[in-house]
Amino acid sequence: MPITDLLRKNAELYRDEVSLVEINPGADKRMTWREFALTQSVGENYRREMTWGEFDEKANRFANLLLQRGVKKGTKVAILLMNCLEWLPIYFGILKAGAIAVPLNYRYAADEIKYCLEKSDSEYIVFGPEFIGRIEEIFEKVPQVKMWMYVGEACPAFADSYDAMIERFDEKDPMIPLTDEDDGAIYFSSGTTGFPKAILHAHASLTHSCKVEQNHHGQTHDDVFLCIPPLYHTGAKMHWFGSLLVGGKAVLLKGTTPELIIRTAAMEKCSIVWLLVPWAQDILDEIERGDIDLPSYDLSAWRLMHIGAQPVPPALIKRWRNVFPHHDYDTNYGLSESIGPGCVHLGIENIDHVGAIGKAGYGWEIDIVDENRNSVKKGEVGELAVKGPGVMKCYYKDRKATDEVLHNGWLYTGDMAEEDKDGFIWLVDRKKDVIITGGENLYPVQIENFLRQMDSIKDVAVIGLPDKRLGEIATAIIEIKEGATLTEEEVNAFCVELPRYKRPRKIIFADIPRNPTGKIEKPTLRRRYGADRIVAQSKGE
C-alpha cells in the first residue's frame, strides 16, 4: 500500500479531528515561553493546529500545484524547512503528485545544499525564511532546478510564494496511480562518516515503517505524540508514522529546552515522547537541580519515553526511571538505509536489558557477521546486518557504495555488535570508530558507557588519536555537568576498574558536538584534536 493511502483513510475517518499541532514559543519575542504558558495565552502565533481533513486538502492542493508546474511521476522535489505545520502536507503533496520527496538537513551550508540538489537530480525545491541567504548563494548555480518555492512572509524576488499560490489550486485528490514499488523518497545520510549519501526508498519501505512503529509502541488513535527532532530525518518522521497509521494527533515543538519539553507534554497531554540522549540528560539535570518543579506539571498522560539514534547509557535510563517510575521505556536502532528506527528493537517488556538495542524488529531479520560475512558465534563481536521490507533500494547514483553494503537483500550496517546468551543485541561501536591500540581492538561505546557512570559527566566521546608507539591511543573528550567539577586525576582513578588496555590515555575537557539527530560527530572531534596532535608530533613535541 502506498503511504498516501493512509492519509486518505484518516481524512475520511477523522476529518474534523486534529492531526497536527505546532507549538512555537519563539513566534513573538515580546513574550517568554514561561509567560505564555502561565497565562495560557494560546494564540495563532504560538499554537497552530490542523485537522486530518485540512492536512489532506493541503497535500492535494500542493500536488495539483506541482502537476500544473510540470512535475511528473518520478520528479524529485526537495524540502528545506524547519519543523512547521506546512512540512508534512508538503511532503505528502509531493508523494500524491507521484514525485519523489527529498528532505534536506537544515544545517547544510550552501555548498552542501547545492551538492544534494545535484546528487538527487532535484528539479524543484521548497524552502523557508531561515535559508534565504544560503539559497541566494546557489540558485543561479543549479540550472536543473526549475522552481524555487518559498514558505513564509517577504518572499525573495527569485522565488515563487507557496503561501500566495497554494489556495488557488484544487483541493481534489489528483489520484496519481502509485504502487508499493514506486520510488517515494530520497533521504541523505547524516554524514557522520563522510559526505552524505542519497538513500532511495520505495513506498513499500515508507509504509512498512508505519507498521513497525505501531507494532512496537502500540499507538492507538487516542495517543498524542510529541515530535521534537527535525522532520527531514527518518528518525522523527518514521516515529510519527505510527501516529499516521492510527490517525493519532502529533505535536511539533519548535524548541528543545527541558522546560519547553516538559511544559508542552503537560499542556498537550502527550502520551508518547521520543527524546535524544542529550535532551533526556538535560531534563534530568534541571529536575535534580530544582530548576523544574515537576509536581506542578500534569504529566499523567505520558506513558512512554523512548530513545534512539545513538547508544543509550544504562545509567541514564536508571536515572530516568527513578524520576519517572511509571514510564514505559524503549529504544530503537535503525539507519536511514533501513527507513529509520525499528529494525532492531528492545521492547518495553525488556526493561531488564537496558543497554542492549534489542532483537529483530517487526518484519526484520538480523545477523552478526565476520569480515567474510559469515555468522559469528554468540558473544563474538561482528558487523550487524539487517534484512526486511524497509531496506533501501540503493544509494542513488552510487553503484559502488550500494554494492559495498547491499548483498542478497541484506544491509551491512557498519556497526559492530554482539549477541548475548539471551539473544539480545548489544551495539559495540561503529566499524570506523574502532580504536586499534598496540594491536588490541577498543570499542569506544564500552568506555563511554563506563565513564557516564560518573555523576559529574554530562556527555563523553572516546576517539582514537595517533600515537607513534601504539598506533592509536584512546582519548576521552568529557563534557562536565553545569555546576560540577572534575579533574583528570579523578577520571583516571575512576578508570582503574577498567582493564588497563581500555583506560583512556588522554583526557580532554570540552563540549561534545552532536548532529541534529543526537549522534556524536566523531569525525569533527578527530579533525579537531587529531590534526593538532599530528602537527605537534611533526614539531617533535
Protein backbone atom coordinates (compact mmCIF):
# COMPACT_ATOMS: atom_id res chain seq x y z
CA MET A 1 0.00 0.00 0.00
CA PRO A 2 1.45 3.43 -0.91
CA ILE A 3 1.76 5.57 2.19
CA THR A 4 -0.51 8.24 0.67
CA ASP A 5 -3.45 5.86 1.16
CA LEU A 6 -3.06 6.20 4.93
CA LEU A 7 -3.57 9.96 4.74
CA ARG A 8 -6.65 9.46 2.59
CA LYS A 9 -8.02 6.98 5.13
CA ASN A 10 -7.51 9.37 8.04
CA ALA A 11 -9.14 12.24 6.16
CA GLU A 12 -12.18 10.03 5.63
CA LEU A 13 -12.40 8.57 9.15
CA TYR A 14 -11.25 11.54 11.26
CA ARG A 15 -11.87 14.52 9.01
CA ASP A 16 -12.61 17.06 11.75
CA GLU A 17 -10.17 15.73 14.35
CA VAL A 18 -6.81 17.40 14.96
CA SER A 19 -3.90 15.76 13.17
CA LEU A 20 -1.03 18.19 13.83
CA VAL A 21 -0.28 20.94 16.33
CA GLU A 22 2.63 23.36 16.07
CA ILE A 23 3.93 24.97 19.26
CA ASN A 24 6.26 27.86 18.52
CA PRO A 25 7.17 29.81 21.67
CA GLY A 26 9.59 31.97 19.69
CA ALA A 27 6.92 33.39 17.38
CA ASP A 28 6.57 36.54 19.49
CA LYS A 29 9.85 37.72 21.01
CA ARG A 30 7.97 40.07 23.33
CA MET A 31 6.69 37.22 25.50
CA THR A 32 8.77 34.46 27.04
CA TRP A 33 7.63 30.86 26.91
CA ARG A 34 7.10 30.94 30.69
CA GLU A 35 4.86 34.00 30.41
CA PHE A 36 2.98 32.40 27.53
CA ALA A 37 2.44 29.10 29.31
CA LEU A 38 1.48 30.60 32.66
CA THR A 39 -1.11 32.91 31.12
CA GLN A 40 -2.40 30.13 28.82
CA SER A 41 -2.45 32.80 26.11
CA VAL A 42 -2.57 30.31 23.27
CA GLY A 43 -2.89 32.33 20.11
CA GLU A 44 -2.24 31.89 16.42
CA ASN A 45 1.37 32.95 16.77
CA TYR A 46 2.13 30.31 19.33
CA ARG A 47 -0.14 27.38 18.67
CA ARG A 48 -1.43 26.37 15.27
CA GLU A 49 -3.34 23.21 14.52
CA MET A 50 -4.67 21.31 11.53
CA THR A 51 -7.35 18.66 11.16
CA TRP A 52 -6.91 15.48 9.13
CA GLY A 53 -9.27 16.92 6.54
CA GLU A 54 -7.21 20.10 6.22
CA PHE A 55 -3.99 18.06 6.11
CA ASP A 56 -5.29 16.01 3.18
CA GLU A 57 -6.66 19.05 1.34
CA LYS A 58 -3.39 20.97 1.66
CA ALA A 59 -1.47 17.96 0.38
CA ASN A 60 -3.88 17.73 -2.57
CA ARG A 61 -3.53 21.43 -3.37
CA PHE A 62 0.25 21.18 -3.38
CA ALA A 63 0.15 18.06 -5.52
CA ASN A 64 -2.01 19.88 -8.07
CA LEU A 65 0.31 22.90 -7.96
CA LEU A 66 3.28 20.67 -8.74
CA LEU A 67 1.47 18.86 -11.54
CA GLN A 68 0.49 22.15 -13.18
CA ARG A 69 4.12 23.31 -12.95
CA GLY A 70 5.38 20.30 -14.87
CA VAL A 71 6.11 17.72 -12.18
CA LYS A 72 5.74 14.16 -13.42
CA LYS A 73 5.94 10.75 -11.83
CA GLY A 74 9.48 10.31 -10.54
CA THR A 75 10.39 14.02 -10.49
CA LYS A 76 12.47 14.92 -7.42
CA VAL A 77 11.25 17.75 -5.17
CA ALA A 78 13.48 18.90 -2.31
CA ILE A 79 12.26 20.21 1.06
CA LEU A 80 14.42 22.61 3.10
CA LEU A 81 12.25 23.70 6.02
CA MET A 82 12.46 23.89 9.76
CA ASN A 83 9.75 21.88 11.54
CA CYS A 84 6.43 23.63 10.93
CA LEU A 85 2.78 22.89 10.24
CA GLU A 86 3.38 23.09 6.48
CA TRP A 87 6.15 20.45 6.42
CA LEU A 88 4.16 17.22 6.31
CA PRO A 89 1.38 18.39 3.94
CA ILE A 90 4.13 19.49 1.53
CA TYR A 91 5.82 16.09 1.86
CA PHE A 92 2.58 14.24 1.16
CA GLY A 93 1.69 16.63 -1.64
CA ILE A 94 4.93 15.64 -3.36
CA LEU A 95 4.07 11.95 -2.97
CA LYS A 96 0.49 12.46 -4.15
CA ALA A 97 1.84 14.05 -7.32
CA GLY A 98 3.76 10.82 -7.94
CA ALA A 99 7.01 12.69 -7.32
CA ILE A 100 9.90 11.78 -5.01
CA ALA A 101 10.36 13.79 -1.82
CA VAL A 102 13.94 14.84 -0.99
CA PRO A 103 14.17 16.23 2.57
CA LEU A 104 17.35 18.22 3.26
CA ASN A 105 19.22 18.77 6.50
CA TYR A 106 18.58 22.31 7.76
CA ARG A 107 22.19 22.57 8.93
CA TYR A 108 23.60 22.20 5.44
CA ALA A 109 25.79 25.03 4.21
CA ALA A 110 25.12 26.46 0.75
CA ASP A 111 27.61 24.17 -1.00
CA GLU A 112 26.10 21.11 0.71
CA ILE A 113 22.59 22.13 -0.41
CA LYS A 114 23.91 22.52 -3.95
CA TYR A 115 25.59 19.10 -3.75
CA CYS A 116 22.41 17.40 -2.54
CA LEU A 117 20.23 19.05 -5.17
CA GLU A 118 22.61 17.90 -7.87
CA LYS A 119 23.15 14.44 -6.40
CA SER A 120 19.40 13.79 -6.15
CA ASP A 121 18.51 15.38 -9.52
CA SER A 122 16.03 17.63 -7.73
CA GLU A 123 14.19 19.91 -10.14
CA TYR A 124 12.06 21.75 -7.57
CA ILE A 125 12.72 22.93 -4.02
CA VAL A 126 10.56 24.28 -1.20
CA PHE A 127 12.45 26.36 1.38
CA GLY A 128 11.80 28.62 4.36
CA PRO A 129 12.99 32.06 5.53
CA GLU A 130 15.91 30.64 7.53
CA PHE A 131 17.59 29.59 4.28
CA ILE A 132 17.26 32.67 2.06
CA GLY A 133 20.93 33.60 2.38
CA ARG A 134 22.16 30.09 1.59
CA ILE A 135 19.79 29.73 -1.36
CA GLU A 136 20.83 33.12 -2.75
CA GLU A 137 24.39 31.81 -2.94
CA ILE A 138 23.48 28.89 -5.17
CA PHE A 139 20.20 29.41 -7.02
CA GLU A 140 21.94 30.56 -10.20
CA LYS A 141 24.45 27.67 -9.97
CA VAL A 142 21.92 24.82 -10.07
CA PRO A 143 20.35 25.13 -13.54
CA GLN A 144 18.38 21.89 -13.29
CA VAL A 145 16.13 23.44 -10.58
CA LYS A 146 13.07 24.74 -12.41
CA MET A 147 11.25 26.30 -9.48
CA TRP A 148 12.23 27.72 -6.09
CA MET A 149 9.19 27.86 -3.78
CA TYR A 150 9.28 29.91 -0.61
CA VAL A 151 7.20 29.29 2.53
CA GLY A 152 6.79 32.40 4.68
CA GLU A 153 6.44 36.14 4.57
CA ALA A 154 8.53 38.51 2.41
CA CYS A 155 9.18 36.15 -0.48
CA PRO A 156 12.53 36.85 -2.18
CA ALA A 157 12.41 38.05 -5.78
CA PHE A 158 13.98 34.90 -7.25
CA ALA A 159 11.35 32.57 -5.73
CA ASP A 160 7.63 31.81 -6.04
CA SER A 161 5.49 32.24 -2.93
CA TYR A 162 3.97 28.99 -1.67
CA ASP A 163 1.55 30.97 0.53
CA ALA A 164 0.32 33.11 -2.36
CA MET A 165 -0.15 30.16 -4.72
CA ILE A 166 -1.43 27.26 -2.67
CA GLU A 167 -5.07 28.30 -2.16
CA ARG A 168 -5.55 28.78 -5.92
CA PHE A 169 -5.25 25.07 -6.60
CA ASP A 170 -7.93 22.40 -6.41
CA GLU A 171 -8.31 20.54 -3.11
CA LYS A 172 -9.44 17.44 -5.02
CA ASP A 173 -7.04 14.49 -4.85
CA PRO A 174 -5.25 14.04 -8.21
CA MET A 175 -5.19 10.24 -7.59
CA ILE A 176 -1.94 9.61 -9.44
CA PRO A 177 -1.59 5.78 -9.60
CA LEU A 178 1.14 4.50 -7.26
CA THR A 179 2.38 1.05 -6.33
CA ASP A 180 4.44 -0.26 -3.44
CA GLU A 181 7.49 -0.48 -5.70
CA ASP A 182 7.32 3.12 -6.90
CA ASP A 183 10.08 5.38 -5.60
CA GLY A 184 8.88 7.54 -2.73
CA ALA A 185 11.72 9.46 -1.10
CA ILE A 186 15.44 10.16 -1.08
CA TYR A 187 16.95 10.72 2.34
CA PHE A 188 20.51 11.81 2.90
CA SER A 189 22.72 10.02 5.39
CA SER A 190 23.69 12.01 8.47
CA GLY A 191 27.24 12.45 7.25
CA THR A 192 28.89 11.30 10.50
CA THR A 193 31.19 9.07 8.43
CA GLY A 194 31.73 11.32 5.42
CA PHE A 195 29.78 13.38 2.86
CA PRO A 196 26.09 12.42 2.82
CA LYS A 197 24.87 9.66 0.52
CA ALA A 198 21.47 9.78 -1.23
CA ILE A 199 19.31 6.92 0.05
CA LEU A 200 16.42 5.88 -2.20
CA HIS A 201 13.32 4.27 -0.68
CA ALA A 202 10.18 2.87 -2.29
CA HIS A 203 6.65 3.41 -0.96
CA ALA A 204 6.76 -0.12 0.46
CA SER A 205 9.59 0.96 2.79
CA LEU A 206 7.68 4.01 3.99
CA THR A 207 4.53 2.01 4.68
CA HIS A 208 6.46 -0.73 6.45
CA SER A 209 7.95 1.83 8.83
CA CYS A 210 4.40 2.80 9.86
CA LYS A 211 3.63 -0.81 10.75
CA VAL A 212 6.92 -1.29 12.60
CA GLU A 213 6.44 1.78 14.79
CA GLN A 214 2.83 0.99 15.67
CA ASN A 215 3.64 -2.65 16.39
CA HIS A 216 6.49 -1.72 18.73
CA HIS A 217 4.79 1.05 20.69
CA GLY A 218 1.12 0.17 20.47
CA GLN A 219 -0.12 3.54 19.29
CA THR A 220 -3.85 3.98 19.38
CA HIS A 221 -6.00 6.70 17.92
CA ASP A 222 -6.05 8.37 21.34
CA ASP A 223 -2.28 8.66 21.73
CA VAL A 224 -0.60 12.06 21.34
CA PHE A 225 2.97 12.01 20.03
CA LEU A 226 5.37 14.83 20.88
CA CYS A 227 7.73 15.28 17.91
CA ILE A 228 10.82 17.36 18.61
CA PRO A 229 13.61 16.17 16.25
CA PRO A 230 13.83 17.54 12.68
CA LEU A 231 11.34 16.10 10.21
CA TYR A 232 13.93 15.91 7.44
CA HIS A 233 15.42 12.92 9.26
CA THR A 234 13.96 9.44 9.16
CA GLY A 235 14.09 9.13 12.95
CA ALA A 236 11.48 11.80 13.69
CA LYS A 237 9.24 11.16 10.72
CA MET A 238 9.17 7.38 10.99
CA HIS A 239 8.22 7.55 14.67
CA TRP A 240 5.39 9.88 13.65
CA PHE A 241 4.38 7.32 11.03
CA GLY A 242 2.96 5.22 13.89
CA SER A 243 0.54 8.08 14.58
CA LEU A 244 -0.26 8.31 10.86
CA LEU A 245 -1.24 4.65 10.80
CA VAL A 246 -3.84 5.07 13.58
CA GLY A 247 -4.89 8.66 12.88
CA GLY A 248 -3.42 9.94 16.15
CA LYS A 249 -2.51 13.52 16.96
CA ALA A 250 1.07 14.78 16.92
CA VAL A 251 2.58 17.95 18.38
CA LEU A 252 5.51 19.62 16.61
CA LEU A 253 7.56 21.50 19.20
CA LYS A 254 9.91 24.21 17.94
CA GLY A 255 12.38 24.19 20.81
CA THR A 256 14.41 21.73 22.85
CA THR A 257 14.90 23.25 26.30
CA PRO A 258 13.91 20.97 29.20
CA GLU A 259 11.16 23.30 30.39
CA LEU A 260 9.70 23.56 26.88
CA ILE A 261 9.53 19.79 26.56
CA ILE A 262 8.01 19.16 29.99
CA ARG A 263 5.53 22.03 29.77
CA THR A 264 4.39 21.10 26.24
CA ALA A 265 3.96 17.44 27.22
CA ALA A 266 1.74 18.60 30.09
CA MET A 267 -0.27 21.20 28.15
CA GLU A 268 -0.94 18.96 25.15
CA LYS A 269 -1.49 15.76 27.19
CA CYS A 270 1.23 13.96 25.26
CA SER A 271 1.41 10.22 25.84
CA ILE A 272 4.50 9.34 23.77
CA VAL A 273 7.70 11.37 23.74
CA TRP A 274 10.80 10.46 21.77
CA LEU A 275 13.97 12.04 23.12
CA LEU A 276 17.61 12.18 22.18
CA VAL A 277 20.15 11.32 24.87
CA PRO A 278 21.29 14.95 25.43
CA TRP A 279 17.69 16.16 25.90
CA ALA A 280 16.92 13.42 28.41
CA GLN A 281 20.11 14.27 30.30
CA ASP A 282 19.27 17.97 30.35
CA ILE A 283 15.73 17.29 31.61
CA LEU A 284 17.03 15.16 34.47
CA ASP A 285 19.74 17.67 35.33
CA GLU A 286 17.23 20.53 35.62
CA ILE A 287 14.81 18.44 37.66
CA GLU A 288 17.58 17.35 40.03
CA ARG A 289 18.83 20.94 40.39
CA GLY A 290 15.30 22.13 41.16
CA ASP A 291 15.06 24.29 38.03
CA ILE A 292 11.94 22.34 37.01
CA ASP A 293 9.27 21.87 39.67
CA LEU A 294 7.98 18.54 38.43
CA PRO A 295 4.88 18.25 40.69
CA SER A 296 3.47 21.44 39.16
CA TYR A 297 3.03 19.73 35.77
CA ASP A 298 0.27 17.27 34.96
CA LEU A 299 2.14 14.54 33.09
CA SER A 300 -0.36 11.79 33.83
CA ALA A 301 -0.98 11.15 30.11
CA TRP A 302 2.73 10.46 29.41
CA ARG A 303 3.08 6.67 29.17
CA LEU A 304 6.17 6.05 27.01
CA MET A 305 9.62 7.62 26.72
CA HIS A 306 11.84 6.15 24.08
CA ILE A 307 15.28 6.98 22.72
CA GLY A 308 17.08 6.14 19.52
CA ALA A 309 19.70 7.44 17.07
CA GLN A 310 22.66 6.50 19.30
CA PRO A 311 23.79 4.10 22.02
CA VAL A 312 21.89 4.75 25.24
CA PRO A 313 23.84 4.76 28.52
CA PRO A 314 22.17 2.39 31.01
CA ALA A 315 22.98 4.88 33.78
CA LEU A 316 20.77 7.46 32.07
CA ILE A 317 17.75 5.16 31.97
CA LYS A 318 18.27 4.22 35.63
CA ARG A 319 18.14 7.93 36.48
CA TRP A 320 15.06 8.42 34.30
CA ARG A 321 13.19 5.53 35.90
CA ASN A 322 13.95 6.94 39.34
CA VAL A 323 12.31 10.23 38.39
CA PHE A 324 9.53 8.78 36.17
CA PRO A 325 8.86 5.29 37.58
CA HIS A 326 5.50 4.96 35.78
CA HIS A 327 7.01 5.43 32.30
CA ASP A 328 7.47 2.57 29.90
CA TYR A 329 10.85 2.81 28.23
CA ASP A 330 12.04 1.60 24.85
CA THR A 331 14.93 2.07 22.50
CA ASN A 332 15.10 1.51 18.77
CA TYR A 333 18.03 1.00 16.48
CA GLY A 334 17.95 1.87 12.81
CA LEU A 335 19.55 3.68 9.92
CA SER A 336 18.22 5.90 7.18
CA GLU A 337 19.17 2.99 4.90
CA SER A 338 16.65 0.84 6.81
CA ILE A 339 13.99 3.58 6.79
CA GLY A 340 14.88 4.82 10.22
CA PRO A 341 14.19 3.26 13.62
CA GLY A 342 12.97 -0.20 14.42
CA CYS A 343 14.93 -2.85 12.52
CA VAL A 344 16.30 -3.74 15.97
CA HIS A 345 14.04 -3.07 18.94
CA LEU A 346 14.42 -3.55 22.71
CA GLY A 347 10.72 -3.70 23.63
CA ILE A 348 9.05 -2.12 26.64
CA GLU A 349 8.79 -5.54 28.28
CA ASN A 350 12.59 -5.88 28.35
CA ILE A 351 13.49 -3.09 30.76
CA ASP A 352 15.83 -5.56 32.49
CA HIS A 353 18.04 -5.49 29.36
CA VAL A 354 18.61 -1.74 29.22
CA GLY A 355 21.83 -1.11 27.34
CA ALA A 356 21.05 -3.68 24.65
CA ILE A 357 19.49 -2.43 21.43
CA GLY A 358 17.23 -5.50 21.44
CA LYS A 359 16.18 -8.15 18.99
CA ALA A 360 14.95 -8.13 15.40
CA GLY A 361 12.13 -5.64 14.94
CA TYR A 362 8.71 -6.34 13.43
CA GLY A 363 9.20 -7.86 9.97
CA TRP A 364 13.01 -7.77 10.22
CA GLU A 365 15.83 -10.34 10.29
CA ILE A 366 19.25 -9.71 11.82
CA ASP A 367 22.67 -11.35 11.70
CA ILE A 368 26.14 -10.61 13.07
CA VAL A 369 28.97 -11.48 10.69
CA ASP A 370 32.74 -11.55 10.42
CA GLU A 371 34.86 -9.84 7.75
CA ASN A 372 33.90 -12.62 5.29
CA ARG A 373 30.20 -12.12 6.08
CA ASN A 374 29.89 -15.44 7.85
CA SER A 375 27.76 -15.54 11.01
CA VAL A 376 29.75 -15.34 14.23
CA LYS A 377 29.01 -17.21 17.45
CA LYS A 378 27.06 -15.67 20.32
CA GLY A 379 29.31 -13.46 22.40
CA GLU A 380 31.63 -12.67 19.49
CA VAL A 381 31.85 -9.18 18.01
CA GLY A 382 30.98 -8.76 14.34
CA GLU A 383 29.22 -6.45 11.91
CA LEU A 384 25.46 -6.11 12.29
CA ALA A 385 23.42 -6.92 9.17
CA VAL A 386 19.65 -6.46 8.75
CA LYS A 387 17.11 -7.65 6.19
CA GLY A 388 13.48 -6.71 5.69
CA PRO A 389 10.88 -4.70 3.76
CA GLY A 390 12.40 -1.39 4.91
CA VAL A 391 15.82 -1.79 3.31
CA MET A 392 16.65 0.96 0.82
CA LYS A 393 16.61 0.29 -2.91
CA CYS A 394 20.09 1.76 -3.35
CA TYR A 395 22.35 4.71 -2.84
CA TYR A 396 21.05 6.88 -5.65
CA LYS A 397 23.59 7.23 -8.48
CA ASP A 398 26.27 5.40 -6.49
CA ARG A 399 26.54 1.78 -7.57
CA LYS A 400 29.91 1.26 -5.87
CA ALA A 401 28.68 2.40 -2.45
CA THR A 402 25.49 0.36 -2.88
CA ASP A 403 27.41 -2.82 -3.68
CA GLU A 404 29.54 -2.31 -0.56
CA VAL A 405 26.55 -2.54 1.79
CA LEU A 406 23.77 -4.46 -0.03
CA HIS A 407 24.09 -8.21 -0.73
CA ASN A 408 21.20 -10.63 -1.34
CA GLY A 409 18.74 -8.35 0.42
CA TRP A 410 21.00 -7.88 3.45
CA LEU A 411 22.09 -4.42 4.52
CA TYR A 412 25.51 -4.40 6.19
CA THR A 413 25.31 -1.56 8.65
CA GLY A 414 28.93 -0.83 9.52
CA ASP A 415 28.03 -1.13 13.21
CA MET A 416 29.88 -3.63 15.39
CA ALA A 417 27.67 -5.67 17.70
CA GLU A 418 27.46 -8.87 19.71
CA GLU A 419 24.59 -11.16 20.74
CA ASP A 420 24.29 -12.27 24.36
CA LYS A 421 23.14 -15.69 25.61
CA ASP A 422 19.51 -14.46 25.75
CA GLY A 423 19.52 -13.36 22.12
CA PHE A 424 19.75 -9.61 22.76
CA ILE A 425 21.99 -7.50 20.53
CA TRP A 426 24.46 -5.10 22.12
CA LEU A 427 25.90 -2.34 19.98
CA VAL A 428 29.67 -2.18 20.41
CA ASP A 429 30.61 0.65 18.07
CA ARG A 430 30.83 1.93 14.53
CA LYS A 431 33.19 -0.17 12.45
CA LYS A 432 35.07 3.00 11.51
CA ASP A 433 35.26 4.15 15.15
CA VAL A 434 37.09 1.08 16.46
CA ILE A 435 40.42 2.08 18.02
CA ILE A 436 43.41 -0.21 17.45
CA THR A 437 45.97 0.40 20.18
CA GLY A 438 49.03 -1.78 20.46
CA GLY A 439 47.28 -4.45 18.39
CA GLU A 440 44.16 -4.52 20.62
CA ASN A 441 40.69 -3.51 19.40
CA LEU A 442 38.96 -0.96 21.63
CA TYR A 443 35.26 -0.19 21.25
CA PRO A 444 34.66 3.42 22.33
CA VAL A 445 30.99 2.94 23.28
CA GLN A 446 32.01 0.49 26.02
CA ILE A 447 34.40 3.04 27.52
CA GLU A 448 31.86 5.86 27.12
CA ASN A 449 29.17 3.90 28.96
CA PHE A 450 31.61 3.20 31.78
CA LEU A 451 32.59 6.87 32.13
CA ARG A 452 28.97 8.05 32.09
CA GLN A 453 28.53 6.43 35.48
CA MET A 454 30.46 9.38 36.94
CA ASP A 455 27.95 11.85 38.36
CA SER A 456 29.89 14.91 37.15
CA ILE A 457 29.92 13.84 33.49
CA LYS A 458 27.21 15.24 31.23
CA ASP A 459 28.50 13.75 27.97
CA VAL A 460 31.55 11.89 26.74
CA ALA A 461 33.08 10.77 23.46
CA VAL A 462 36.04 8.43 23.10
CA ILE A 463 38.14 8.62 19.94
CA GLY A 464 41.48 7.32 18.77
CA LEU A 465 44.33 9.78 18.31
CA PRO A 466 47.62 9.00 16.53
CA ASP A 467 50.47 7.66 18.65
CA LYS A 468 53.98 6.81 17.41
CA ARG A 469 54.39 3.74 19.63
CA LEU A 470 50.86 2.27 19.89
CA GLY A 471 49.40 3.44 16.59
CA GLU A 472 46.40 5.00 18.34
CA ILE A 473 45.51 5.86 21.91
CA ALA A 474 42.04 6.08 23.43
CA THR A 475 41.21 9.71 24.17
CA ALA A 476 38.17 10.72 26.23
CA ILE A 477 36.59 14.10 25.49
CA ILE A 478 34.45 14.89 28.52
CA GLU A 479 31.72 17.50 28.92
CA ILE A 480 31.13 18.32 32.59
CA LYS A 481 27.67 19.00 34.03
CA GLU A 482 26.82 22.59 34.80
CA GLY A 483 27.95 23.47 38.32
CA ALA A 484 30.04 20.31 38.69
CA THR A 485 33.81 19.92 38.86
CA LEU A 486 36.01 17.11 37.63
CA THR A 487 39.75 16.61 37.30
CA GLU A 488 41.89 14.40 35.13
CA GLU A 489 43.15 12.66 38.25
CA GLU A 490 39.60 11.81 39.33
CA VAL A 491 38.81 10.36 35.90
CA ASN A 492 41.96 8.25 35.91
CA ALA A 493 41.20 6.99 39.41
CA PHE A 494 37.68 6.01 38.36
CA CYS A 495 39.04 4.15 35.32
CA VAL A 496 41.20 1.87 37.46
CA GLU A 497 38.27 -0.57 37.36
CA LEU A 498 38.71 -0.92 33.59
CA PRO A 499 41.24 -3.35 32.11
CA ARG A 500 44.48 -1.42 31.63
CA TYR A 501 44.36 -1.51 27.82
CA LYS A 502 40.84 0.04 27.85
CA ARG A 503 41.72 3.02 30.02
CA PRO A 504 41.83 6.38 28.20
CA ARG A 505 45.43 7.53 27.77
CA LYS A 506 44.42 11.16 27.32
CA ILE A 507 41.63 13.25 28.87
CA ILE A 508 40.26 16.44 27.25
CA PHE A 509 37.56 18.57 28.91
CA ALA A 510 35.41 20.18 26.21
CA ASP A 511 31.89 20.33 24.76
CA ILE A 512 30.69 17.32 22.75
CA PRO A 513 29.35 18.21 19.27
CA ARG A 514 26.26 16.29 18.19
CA ASN A 515 24.30 16.47 14.95
CA PRO A 516 20.53 17.25 14.91
CA THR A 517 19.69 13.56 15.40
CA GLY A 518 21.82 13.33 18.53
CA LYS A 519 24.78 11.41 17.13
CA ILE A 520 28.23 12.41 18.33
CA GLU A 521 30.18 14.00 15.49
CA LYS A 522 33.33 11.94 15.94
CA PRO A 523 34.86 12.96 12.59
CA THR A 524 34.70 16.56 13.85
CA LEU A 525 36.44 15.57 17.08
CA ARG A 526 39.10 13.58 15.24
CA ARG A 527 39.80 16.54 12.97
CA ARG A 528 39.81 18.94 15.90
CA TYR A 529 42.16 17.01 18.14
CA GLY A 530 43.87 14.56 15.81
CA ALA A 531 45.21 17.24 13.48
CA ASP A 532 46.61 19.22 16.40
CA ARG A 533 48.42 16.15 17.67
CA ILE A 534 49.89 15.36 14.25
CA VAL A 535 51.17 18.92 13.95
CA ALA A 536 52.67 18.71 17.45
CA GLN A 537 54.41 15.44 16.63
CA SER A 538 55.85 16.88 13.42
CA LYS A 539 57.46 19.60 15.54
CA GLY A 540 58.98 16.99 17.82
CA GLU A 541 56.79 17.94 20.78
